[in-house]
Amino acid sequence: MKTKIMIATGLLTIGLGLGAVNTPANASSWHKGTPRVTRGHWTNGNAKWYVTKKGYNLGVVGGTGYNMFWGKPYYKYVGHHVYRVKCFDFPLNRIRTMHVKYYSSHKVSFGGTIMHRY
């Protein structure tokens, strides 16, 4: 009788243990919005970018206002302060991918174009 209880307890313990092992972690590597460190006003002397959580707005220096060019962004951290950003390109009506590199709080590269905060 004591042997049967020990075997039943052992099988129950193994069964519960195996059930806990099979639960995978579903962490998302793509995040909605833009990287927080890239939000704000940026310029390179010719163009102005206004980056919000919901997209990238572009303008020409000396012009008035901004045009919404890229929206519905998703980003993924690649490493070494580099982000891969996917956005919907409204004028071309397609998905666009670009790399964003964060150098400092005043210097960022958007797709190879170095911008400074203003």
Protein backbone atom coordinates (compact mmCIF):
# COMPACT_ATOMS: atom_id res chain seq x y z
CA MET A 1 0.00 0.00 0.00
CA LYS A 2 2.81 2.41 0.91
CA THR A 3 4.58 1.59 -2.37
CA LYS A 4 1.47 2.41 -4.43
CA ILE A 5 1.13 5.82 -2.72
CA MET A 6 4.80 6.62 -3.36
CA ILE A 7 4.50 5.62 -7.06
CA ALA A 8 1.30 7.66 -7.48
CA THR A 9 2.94 10.69 -5.82
CA GLY A 10 6.00 10.35 -8.07
CA LEU A 11 3.94 10.11 -11.25
CA LEU A 12 1.84 13.09 -10.24
CA THR A 13 4.95 15.15 -9.53
CA ILE A 14 6.49 14.23 -12.90
CA GLY A 15 3.23 15.01 -14.70
CA LEU A 16 2.97 18.47 -13.13
CA GLY A 17 6.64 19.16 -13.81
CA LEU A 18 6.38 18.32 -17.52
CA GLY A 19 3.31 20.53 -17.90
CA ALA A 20 5.23 23.51 -16.53
CA VAL A 21 8.17 22.96 -18.92
CA ASN A 22 6.06 23.15 -22.10
CA THR A 23 4.89 26.76 -21.62
CA PRO A 24 6.90 28.98 -24.04
CA ALA A 25 7.57 32.67 -23.47
CA ASN A 26 5.92 34.85 -26.11
CA ALA A 27 7.96 38.04 -25.86
CA SER A 28 7.49 40.49 -28.73
CA SER A 29 10.63 41.62 -30.49
CA TRP A 30 8.75 44.17 -32.64
CA HIS A 31 7.34 47.11 -30.70
CA LYS A 32 4.62 49.55 -31.77
CA GLY A 33 5.59 53.19 -32.27
CA THR A 34 9.00 54.79 -32.70
CA PRO A 35 12.03 54.36 -30.44
CA ARG A 36 11.70 56.76 -27.52
CA VAL A 37 15.25 58.12 -27.90
CA THR A 38 14.51 59.30 -31.46
CA ARG A 39 11.36 61.32 -30.73
CA GLY A 40 11.46 65.08 -31.05
CA HIS A 41 12.57 67.73 -33.58
CA TRP A 42 15.56 66.95 -35.83
CA THR A 43 17.27 68.83 -38.66
CA ASN A 44 20.27 68.49 -40.97
CA GLY A 45 20.13 72.01 -42.39
CA ASN A 46 17.99 71.11 -45.43
CA ALA A 47 15.12 69.16 -43.93
CA LYS A 48 13.25 69.06 -40.63
CA TRP A 49 11.88 65.88 -39.08
CA TYR A 50 9.32 65.80 -36.31
CA VAL A 51 9.25 62.30 -34.82
CA THR A 52 6.28 61.26 -32.71
CA LYS A 53 5.18 57.90 -31.36
CA LYS A 54 2.77 57.56 -34.31
CA GLY A 55 5.11 58.40 -37.17
CA TYR A 56 7.64 60.59 -38.96
CA ASN A 57 6.66 64.04 -40.23
CA LEU A 58 8.95 65.78 -42.71
CA GLY A 59 9.30 69.44 -43.62
CA VAL A 60 11.61 71.70 -45.60
CA VAL A 61 13.67 74.34 -43.80
CA GLY A 62 12.02 77.70 -44.46
CA GLY A 63 8.70 76.05 -45.30
CA THR A 64 5.60 76.11 -43.14
CA GLY A 65 4.31 73.02 -41.42
CA TYR A 66 5.07 69.35 -41.74
CA ASN A 67 3.77 66.62 -44.04
CA MET A 68 2.97 63.19 -42.64
CA PHE A 69 5.12 60.85 -44.69
CA TRP A 70 5.55 57.69 -42.65
CA GLY A 71 3.02 56.32 -40.19
CA LYS A 72 2.01 53.15 -38.32
CA PRO A 73 5.61 52.47 -37.21
CA TYR A 74 7.04 49.31 -35.68
CA TYR A 75 10.61 49.02 -34.46
CA LYS A 76 13.06 46.35 -33.38
CA TYR A 77 16.28 46.85 -31.43
CA VAL A 78 19.11 45.37 -33.51
CA GLY A 79 21.99 46.21 -31.15
CA HIS A 80 24.67 48.86 -30.54
CA HIS A 81 22.07 51.70 -30.48
CA VAL A 82 20.66 50.66 -33.87
CA TYR A 83 16.93 50.19 -34.50
CA ARG A 84 15.18 48.71 -37.54
CA VAL A 85 11.99 50.70 -38.16
CA LYS A 86 9.12 49.66 -40.44
CA CYS A 87 6.65 52.36 -41.44
CA PHE A 88 3.84 52.77 -43.93
CA ASP A 89 4.93 55.21 -46.65
CA PHE A 90 1.80 57.23 -47.45
CA PRO A 91 2.94 58.85 -50.76
CA LEU A 92 4.15 55.51 -52.22
CA ASN A 93 1.46 53.41 -50.51
CA ARG A 94 3.85 50.70 -49.28
CA ILE A 95 5.86 49.54 -46.27
CA ARG A 96 9.31 51.11 -45.91
CA THR A 97 12.16 49.85 -43.71
CA MET A 98 15.02 52.01 -42.46
CA HIS A 99 17.77 51.81 -39.89
CA VAL A 100 17.93 54.42 -37.15
CA LYS A 101 21.18 54.84 -35.21
CA TYR A 102 21.25 56.74 -31.92
CA TYR A 103 24.60 58.48 -31.32
CA SER A 104 23.70 60.84 -28.46
CA SER A 105 20.77 62.90 -27.21
CA HIS A 106 21.62 65.49 -29.90
CA LYS A 107 22.69 63.29 -32.84
CA VAL A 108 20.74 60.56 -34.69
CA SER A 109 21.06 58.92 -38.11
CA PHE A 110 17.82 58.23 -40.01
CA GLY A 111 18.54 55.86 -42.90
CA GLY A 112 22.10 57.15 -43.25
CA THR A 113 21.22 60.86 -42.94
CA ILE A 114 22.72 62.38 -39.79
CA MET A 115 20.35 64.75 -38.00
CA HIS A 116 20.81 67.08 -35.03
CA ARG A 117 18.23 68.06 -32.43
CA TYR A 118 16.90 71.64 -32.56
